[in-house]
C-alpha atoms as a PDB file:
ATOM      1  CA  MET A   1      39.603-115.195-100.312  1.00  0.00           C
ATOM      2  CA  LYS A   2      38.178-111.677-100.495  1.00  0.00           C
ATOM      3  CA  ARG A   3      34.763-113.171-101.258  1.00  0.00           C
ATOM      4  CA  ASN A   4      34.898-115.408 -98.146  1.00  0.00           C
ATOM      5  CA  LEU A   5      36.008-112.510 -95.948  1.00  0.00           C
ATOM      6  CA  PHE A   6      33.248-110.276 -97.315  1.00  0.00           C
ATOM      7  CA  SER A   7      30.687-113.067 -96.815  1.00  0.00           C
ATOM      8  CA  ALA A   8      31.838-113.640 -93.242  1.00  0.00           C
ATOM      9  CA  PHE A   9      31.622-109.908 -92.531  1.00  0.00           C
ATOM     10  CA  LEU A  10      28.123-109.720 -94.038  1.00  0.00           C
ATOM     11  CA  PHE A  11      26.987-112.803 -92.118  1.00  0.00           C
ATOM     12  CA  SER A  12      28.306-111.445 -88.779  1.00  0.00           C
ATOM     13  CA  GLY A  13      26.588-108.099 -89.448  1.00  0.00           C
ATOM     14  CA  ALA A  14      23.308-109.877 -90.117  1.00  0.00           C
ATOM     15  CA  LEU A  15      23.669-111.868 -86.884  1.00  0.00           C
ATOM     16  CA  LEU A  16      24.425-108.718 -84.943  1.00  0.00           C
ATOM     17  CA  LEU A  17      21.397-106.894 -86.282  1.00  0.00           C
ATOM     18  CA  GLY A  18      19.193-109.950 -85.825  1.00  0.00           C
ATOM     19  CA  ALA A  19      20.330-110.374 -82.219  1.00  0.00           C
ATOM     20  CA  CYS A  20      19.172-106.864 -81.306  1.00  0.00           C
ATOM     21  CA  ASN A  21      15.514-106.820 -80.478  1.00  0.00           C
ATOM     22  CA  ASN A  22      14.113-103.782 -82.248  1.00  0.00           C
ATOM     23  CA  ASN A  23      10.557-104.686 -81.300  1.00  0.00           C
ATOM     24  CA  LYS A  24      10.025-102.549 -78.191  1.00  0.00           C
ATOM     25  CA  GLY A  25       6.429-103.664 -77.934  1.00  0.00           C
ATOM     26  CA  GLU A  26       7.608-106.920 -76.407  1.00  0.00           C
ATOM     27  CA  VAL A  27       9.416-105.190 -73.524  1.00  0.00           C
ATOM     28  CA  GLY A  28       6.925-102.372 -73.465  1.00  0.00           C
ATOM     29  CA  ALA A  29       7.786 -98.976 -74.839  1.00  0.00           C
ATOM     30  CA  GLU A  30       5.943 -97.336 -71.965  1.00  0.00           C
ATOM     31  CA  GLY A  31       8.007 -99.239 -69.411  1.00  0.00           C
ATOM     32  CA  MET A  32      11.310 -98.325 -71.037  1.00  0.00           C
ATOM     33  CA  ASN A  33      10.345 -94.688 -71.496  1.00  0.00           C
ATOM     34  CA  ALA A  34       8.945 -94.458 -67.971  1.00  0.00           C
ATOM     35  CA  ALA A  35      12.139 -95.951 -66.514  1.00  0.00           C
ATOM     36  CA  ALA A  36      14.259 -93.493 -68.504  1.00  0.00           C
ATOM     37  CA  ALA A  37      12.062 -90.572 -67.413  1.00  0.00           C
ATOM     38  CA  ASN A  38      12.240 -91.673 -63.766  1.00  0.00           C
ATOM     39  CA  ALA A  39      16.028 -92.033 -63.986  1.00  0.00           C
ATOM     40  CA  ASN A  40      16.347 -88.526 -65.464  1.00  0.00           C
ATOM     41  CA  GLU A  41      14.050 -87.100 -62.801  1.00  0.00           C
ATOM     42  CA  ALA A  42      16.042 -88.784 -60.008  1.00  0.00           C
ATOM     43  CA  VAL A  43      19.265 -87.229 -61.307  1.00  0.00           C
ATOM     44  CA  ALA A  44      17.676 -83.791 -61.696  1.00  0.00           C
ATOM     45  CA  ASN A  45      15.917 -83.908 -58.306  1.00  0.00           C
ATOM     46  CA  PRO A  46      17.935 -86.055 -55.884  1.00  0.00           C
ATOM     47  CA  VAL A  47      16.205 -86.878 -52.599  1.00  0.00           C
ATOM     48  CA  VAL A  48      18.230 -86.337 -49.450  1.00  0.00           C
ATOM     49  CA  ASP A  49      16.847 -87.746 -46.244  1.00  0.00           C
ATOM     50  CA  ASN A  50      17.787 -85.321 -43.484  1.00  0.00           C
ATOM     51  CA  PRO A  51      15.471 -85.458 -40.449  1.00  0.00           C
ATOM     52  CA  ASN A  52      16.678 -82.073 -39.178  1.00  0.00           C
ATOM     53  CA  VAL A  53      15.544 -80.175 -42.250  1.00  0.00           C
ATOM     54  CA  THR A  54      11.898 -79.371 -42.603  1.00  0.00           C
ATOM     55  CA  ASN A  55      10.185 -78.915 -45.943  1.00  0.00           C
ATOM     56  CA  GLU A  56       7.482 -76.416 -46.842  1.00  0.00           C
ATOM     57  CA  THR A  57       4.623 -78.674 -45.760  1.00  0.00           C
ATOM     58  CA  GLU A  58       6.189 -79.844 -42.516  1.00  0.00           C
ATOM     59  CA  ALA A  59       6.063 -77.531 -39.499  1.00  0.00           C
ATOM     60  CA  PRO A  60       9.026 -77.387 -37.116  1.00  0.00           C
ATOM     61  CA  ASN A  61       8.599 -79.152 -33.789  1.00  0.00           C
ATOM     62  CA  PRO A  62       7.212 -76.517 -31.378  1.00  0.00           C
ATOM     63  CA  ASN A  63       8.340 -78.650 -28.413  1.00  0.00           C
ATOM     64  CA  ALA A  64      11.972 -78.969 -29.548  1.00  0.00           C
ATOM     65  CA  PRO A  65      14.729 -77.792 -27.220  1.00  0.00           C
ATOM     66  CA  VAL A  66      16.319 -74.429 -28.025  1.00  0.00           C
ATOM     67  CA  MET A  67      19.936 -73.555 -27.194  1.00  0.00           C
ATOM     68  CA  THR A  68      20.037 -69.822 -26.373  1.00  0.00           C
ATOM     69  CA  PHE A  69      23.416 -68.187 -25.718  1.00  0.00           C
ATOM     70  CA  ALA A  70      23.689 -64.865 -23.912  1.00  0.00           C
ATOM     71  CA  VAL A  71      26.869 -64.284 -25.973  1.00  0.00           C
ATOM     72  CA  ALA A  72      27.849 -66.609 -28.839  1.00  0.00           C
ATOM     73  CA  ASP A  73      31.280 -65.120 -29.547  1.00  0.00           C
ATOM     74  CA  HIS A  74      34.260 -64.237 -27.389  1.00  0.00           C
ATOM     75  CA  ASP A  75      37.339 -62.153 -28.181  1.00  0.00           C
ATOM     76  CA  PHE A  76      40.427 -62.974 -26.103  1.00  0.00           C
ATOM     77  CA  GLY A  77      42.104 -59.829 -27.441  1.00  0.00           C
ATOM     78  CA  ASP A  78      45.901 -59.768 -27.637  1.00  0.00           C
ATOM     79  CA  ILE A  79      47.616 -62.893 -26.338  1.00  0.00           C
ATOM     80  CA  LYS A  80      51.263 -64.005 -26.215  1.00  0.00           C
ATOM     81  CA  PRO A  81      52.556 -66.655 -28.643  1.00  0.00           C
ATOM     82  CA  GLY A  82      52.210 -70.136 -27.155  1.00  0.00           C
ATOM     83  CA  GLU A  83      49.625 -69.035 -24.587  1.00  0.00           C
ATOM     84  CA  VAL A  84      46.673 -71.339 -23.837  1.00  0.00           C
ATOM     85  CA  VAL A  85      43.413 -69.495 -23.097  1.00  0.00           C
ATOM     86  CA  LYS A  86      39.972 -70.734 -22.025  1.00  0.00           C
ATOM     87  CA  HIS A  87      36.431 -69.389 -22.141  1.00  0.00           C
ATOM     88  CA  THR A  88      33.121 -70.808 -20.921  1.00  0.00           C
ATOM     89  CA  PHE A  89      30.032 -70.130 -23.038  1.00  0.00           C
ATOM     90  CA  GLU A  90      26.838 -70.368 -21.003  1.00  0.00           C
ATOM     91  CA  PHE A  91      23.486 -71.182 -22.598  1.00  0.00           C
ATOM     92  CA  THR A  92      19.907 -71.753 -21.490  1.00  0.00           C
ATOM     93  CA  ASN A  93      17.473 -74.335 -22.840  1.00  0.00           C
ATOM     94  CA  THR A  94      14.580 -72.029 -23.773  1.00  0.00           C
ATOM     95  CA  GLY A  95      12.664 -74.875 -25.457  1.00  0.00           C
ATOM     96  CA  LYS A  96       9.981 -77.180 -24.080  1.00  0.00           C
ATOM     97  CA  SER A  97      11.890 -80.486 -23.924  1.00  0.00           C
ATOM     98  CA  PRO A  98      15.279 -81.627 -22.557  1.00  0.00           C
ATOM     99  CA  LEU A  99      18.307 -80.558 -24.593  1.00  0.00           C
ATOM    100  CA  LEU A 100      21.022 -83.131 -25.248  1.00  0.00           C
ATOM    101  CA  ILE A 101      24.338 -82.182 -26.836  1.00  0.00           C
ATOM    102  CA  GLU A 102      25.557 -85.033 -29.009  1.00  0.00           C
ATOM    103  CA  ASN A 103      28.924 -83.572 -30.055  1.00  0.00           C
ATOM    104  CA  ALA A 104      30.954 -80.390 -30.342  1.00  0.00           C
ATOM    105  CA  THR A 105      33.692 -80.021 -32.941  1.00  0.00           C
ATOM    106  CA  ALA A 106      36.191 -77.234 -33.487  1.00  0.00           C
ATOM    107  CA  SER A 107      37.296 -75.838 -36.840  1.00  0.00           C
ATOM    108  CA  CYS A 108      40.942 -76.412 -35.865  1.00  0.00           C
ATOM    109  CA  GLY A 109      42.921 -78.891 -33.783  1.00  0.00           C
ATOM    110  CA  CYS A 110      44.207 -76.003 -31.671  1.00  0.00           C
ATOM    111  CA  THR A 111      40.719 -75.502 -30.225  1.00  0.00           C
ATOM    112  CA  THR A 112      39.234 -78.011 -27.773  1.00  0.00           C
ATOM    113  CA  PRO A 113      35.565 -77.944 -26.724  1.00  0.00           C
ATOM    114  CA  ASN A 114      34.121 -79.595 -23.612  1.00  0.00           C
ATOM    115  CA  TRP A 115      30.377 -79.515 -22.909  1.00  0.00           C
ATOM    116  CA  THR A 116      27.641 -80.463 -20.470  1.00  0.00           C
ATOM    117  CA  LYS A 117      27.013 -84.186 -21.023  1.00  0.00           C
ATOM    118  CA  GLU A 118      23.751 -84.550 -19.077  1.00  0.00           C
ATOM    119  CA  PRO A 119      20.365 -83.571 -20.578  1.00  0.00           C
ATOM    120  CA  ILE A 120      19.531 -79.921 -19.868  1.00  0.00           C
ATOM    121  CA  ALA A 121      15.925 -79.491 -18.724  1.00  0.00           C
ATOM    122  CA  PRO A 122      13.789 -76.641 -20.092  1.00  0.00           C
ATOM    123  CA  GLY A 123      14.818 -73.435 -18.330  1.00  0.00           C
ATOM    124  CA  ALA A 124      18.098 -74.962 -17.087  1.00  0.00           C
ATOM    125  CA  LYS A 125      21.594 -73.816 -18.017  1.00  0.00           C
ATOM    126  CA  GLY A 126      24.517 -75.644 -19.596  1.00  0.00           C
ATOM    127  CA  THR A 127      28.054 -74.757 -20.619  1.00  0.00           C
ATOM    128  CA  ILE A 128      30.513 -75.161 -23.475  1.00  0.00           C
ATOM    129  CA  ASP A 129      34.128 -74.758 -22.353  1.00  0.00           C
ATOM    130  CA  VAL A 130      36.479 -73.814 -25.209  1.00  0.00           C
ATOM    131  CA  GLN A 131      40.266 -73.948 -24.887  1.00  0.00           C
ATOM    132  CA  PHE A 132      42.523 -72.360 -27.515  1.00  0.00           C
ATOM    133  CA  ASP A 133      46.227 -73.219 -27.809  1.00  0.00           C
ATOM    134  CA  SER A 134      48.123 -70.506 -29.708  1.00  0.00           C
ATOM    135  CA  HIS A 135      51.325 -72.560 -30.245  1.00  0.00           C
ATOM    136  CA  GLY A 136      52.424 -72.164 -33.864  1.00  0.00           C
ATOM    137  CA  LYS A 137      49.827 -69.467 -34.596  1.00  0.00           C
ATOM    138  CA  MET A 138      50.364 -65.809 -35.437  1.00  0.00           C
ATOM    139  CA  GLY A 139      48.151 -62.806 -35.990  1.00  0.00           C
ATOM    140  CA  ILE A 140      44.367 -62.678 -35.851  1.00  0.00           C
ATOM    141  CA  GLN A 141      42.660 -66.033 -35.317  1.00  0.00           C
ATOM    142  CA  ASN A 142      38.925 -66.819 -35.655  1.00  0.00           C
ATOM    143  CA  LYS A 143      37.803 -70.320 -34.623  1.00  0.00           C
ATOM    144  CA  GLU A 144      34.312 -71.850 -34.679  1.00  0.00           C
ATOM    145  CA  VAL A 145      32.898 -74.600 -32.520  1.00  0.00           C
ATOM    146  CA  ALA A 146      29.912 -76.421 -34.034  1.00  0.00           C
ATOM    147  CA  ILE A 147      27.586 -77.875 -31.406  1.00  0.00           C
ATOM    148  CA  GLN A 148      25.379 -80.754 -32.556  1.00  0.00           C
ATOM    149  CA  ALA A 149      22.283 -81.224 -30.424  1.00  0.00           C
ATOM    150  CA  ASN A 150      18.662 -82.351 -30.631  1.00  0.00           C
ATOM    151  CA  THR A 151      17.626 -78.795 -31.573  1.00  0.00           C
ATOM    152  CA  GLN A 152      16.162 -77.420 -34.814  1.00  0.00           C
ATOM    153  CA  PRO A 153      18.436 -76.718 -36.632  1.00  0.00           C
ATOM    154  CA  SER A 154      20.727 -79.392 -35.224  1.00  0.00           C
ATOM    155  CA  ILE A 155      23.936 -77.308 -35.405  1.00  0.00           C
ATOM    156  CA  THR A 156      24.608 -74.183 -33.329  1.00  0.00           C
ATOM    157  CA  LYS A 157      27.935 -72.341 -33.555  1.00  0.00           C
ATOM    158  CA  VAL A 158      30.011 -70.286 -31.145  1.00  0.00           C
ATOM    159  CA  VAL A 159      33.111 -68.310 -32.157  1.00  0.00           C
ATOM    160  CA  ILE A 160      36.345 -67.376 -30.412  1.00  0.00           C
ATOM    161  CA  LYS A 161      38.805 -64.740 -31.605  1.00  0.00           C
ATOM    162  CA  ALA A 162      42.334 -63.821 -30.599  1.00  0.00           C
ATOM    163  CA  ASN A 163      45.208 -61.688 -31.835  1.00  0.00           C
ATOM    164  CA  ILE A 164      48.475 -63.511 -31.248  1.00  0.00           C
ATOM    165  CA  LEU A 165      51.220 -60.964 -30.793  1.00  0.00           C
ATOM    166  CA  SER A 166      54.546 -61.287 -32.556  1.00  0.00           C
ATOM    167  CA  ASP A 167      57.365 -62.794 -30.535  1.00  0.00           C
ATOM    168  CA  GLY A 168      59.743 -60.332 -32.233  1.00  0.00           C
ATOM    169  CA  GLN A 169      61.730 -63.032 -34.050  1.00  0.00           C
ATOM    170  CA  ASN A 170      59.743 -62.913 -37.309  1.00  0.00           C
ATOM    171  CA  GLY A 171      59.132 -59.183 -37.454  1.00  0.00           C
ATOM    172  CA  PRO A 172      55.869 -57.359 -36.764  1.00  0.00           C
ATOM    173  CA  THR A 173      52.505 -59.049 -37.274  1.00  0.00           C
ATOM    174  CA  ARG A 174      50.057 -57.359 -39.613  1.00  0.00           C
END
């Protein structure tokens, strides 16, 4: 019985080794090595296709629109708890082609942006209205609004700040 088991084990090992093709010349050693090298290179240097990022050899578009803010941050100062405040950021398209805002997103659900939807011609002005709801907030608050447009770079940010005073129920605010 032991002899049959040993023979079966030996036979299966021989089949296993015989099934593996150790002759790389048939597949092509260069092809296998080249594929492995390309796979390693792709992992080490991943390619990301982002049309808004220029590389060293590519010059930025000189005719692109440019969103220029007179003031890109606003401080509401001290506000009462639960107060809703608004500010309008005004900008000028100082580029050479029409500026189109695709989206504006706030860093928090308490902040709501609204923007000029029509294309802004070169030299024309547009606005970003930002509303901040202080319900449930305390102390110093800094909120960003990211504006995505057909500019280079594609994201421009404005910032609002506020200090929400204590309502006296939870003690002083630091």
